[in-house]
Protein backbone atom coordinates (compact mmCIF):
# COMPACT_ATOMS: atom_id res chain seq x y z
CA MET A 1 -180.59 91.84 268.14
CA GLN A 2 -181.63 89.82 265.35
CA ARG A 3 -178.59 91.16 263.28
CA LYS A 4 -176.06 89.96 265.83
CA HIS A 5 -177.77 86.47 265.59
CA PHE A 6 -177.54 86.51 261.50
CA LEU A 7 -173.85 87.70 261.80
CA PHE A 8 -172.97 85.04 264.08
CA ALA A 9 -174.58 82.41 262.06
CA CYS A 10 -172.64 83.81 259.07
CA PHE A 11 -169.20 83.55 260.92
CA ILE A 12 -170.14 79.85 262.16
CA LEU A 13 -170.61 78.94 258.38
CA LEU A 14 -167.57 80.49 257.28
CA ALA A 15 -165.33 79.22 260.04
CA ALA A 16 -166.88 75.43 259.66
CA PRO A 17 -164.39 74.24 256.93
CA ALA A 18 -161.45 75.44 258.97
CA TRP A 19 -162.89 73.28 261.84
CA ALA A 20 -163.21 70.40 259.52
CA ASP A 21 -159.64 70.74 258.42
CA ARG A 22 -158.31 70.31 261.91
CA GLY A 23 -159.35 66.72 261.93
CA ARG A 24 -159.78 64.63 265.36
CA GLY A 25 -156.70 66.01 266.89
CA GLY A 26 -158.40 69.26 267.86
CA GLY A 27 -156.72 71.93 269.55
CA ASP A 28 -155.44 75.23 268.28
CA ALA A 29 -151.75 73.92 267.28
CA PRO A 30 -150.49 75.74 264.04
CA GLN A 31 -150.18 73.10 261.20
CA GLY A 32 -147.08 72.65 259.04
CA GLY A 33 -144.87 74.87 261.19
CA GLN A 34 -146.77 78.19 260.43
CA SER A 35 -147.56 80.93 262.83
CA ARG A 36 -151.31 81.38 263.97
CA GLY A 37 -153.14 83.81 261.75
CA ILE A 38 -156.54 85.33 261.75
CA THR A 39 -159.72 83.11 261.14
CA PRO A 40 -162.15 83.73 258.31
CA ALA A 41 -164.55 85.13 261.09
CA GLN A 42 -162.14 87.64 262.24
CA ALA A 43 -161.37 88.62 258.70
CA GLY A 44 -165.10 89.15 258.02
CA GLU A 45 -165.38 91.14 261.20
CA MET A 46 -162.54 93.34 260.38
CA ALA A 47 -163.91 93.99 256.62
CA ARG A 48 -167.42 94.64 258.20
CA ARG A 49 -165.93 97.25 260.70
CA GLN A 50 -163.92 99.01 257.95
CA THR A 51 -166.99 99.25 255.45
CA GLY A 52 -169.79 99.37 257.74
CA GLY A 53 -171.49 96.81 255.43
CA ARG A 54 -172.72 93.25 255.41
CA VAL A 55 -170.34 90.40 254.78
CA LEU A 56 -171.31 88.14 251.81
CA ALA A 57 -168.45 85.88 251.57
CA VAL A 58 -164.76 85.12 252.67
CA THR A 59 -162.15 83.27 250.68
CA ALA A 60 -158.64 82.17 251.51
CA GLY A 61 -155.63 83.15 249.29
CA ASP A 62 -152.45 85.19 248.96
CA GLY A 63 -151.53 85.15 252.47
CA GLY A 64 -155.02 86.34 253.69
CA TYR A 65 -158.82 86.34 253.00
CA ARG A 66 -160.53 88.28 250.16
CA VAL A 67 -163.73 89.57 251.79
CA LYS A 68 -166.73 90.34 249.67
CA VAL A 69 -168.95 93.15 251.24
CA LEU A 70 -172.16 94.57 250.69
CA THR A 71 -171.87 98.48 251.58
CA PRO A 72 -174.74 100.36 253.06
CA GLN A 73 -174.75 102.35 249.85
CA GLY A 74 -175.69 98.91 248.11
CA GLU A 75 -172.14 98.45 246.56
CA VAL A 76 -170.43 95.28 246.29
CA ARG A 77 -166.75 95.61 247.34
CA TYR A 78 -163.82 93.11 248.10
CA VAL A 79 -161.44 94.10 250.91
CA PHE A 80 -158.44 92.13 251.33
CA VAL A 81 -157.45 91.18 255.00
CA PRO A 82 -153.98 89.81 255.52
CA GLY A 83 -153.81 86.58 257.38
CA ARG A 84 -151.46 87.76 260.24
């Protein structure tokens, strides 16, 4: 149960910059005419499920997200998750 709370807190911290960029207009409307993609939290969750590890960081770039994961074997891996 405590692990779920930790993961939720990590996702909140990872998604906070995306929420801040929306400004006061709010809503989920796409910006700049782009179609909606996945959020950093969703990218982290996808990488976590794929590797079975713990998400350390999520950075945006190249049309998706680069997710840094600590595997159960103690290895640090980077997983690319496409933005759409």
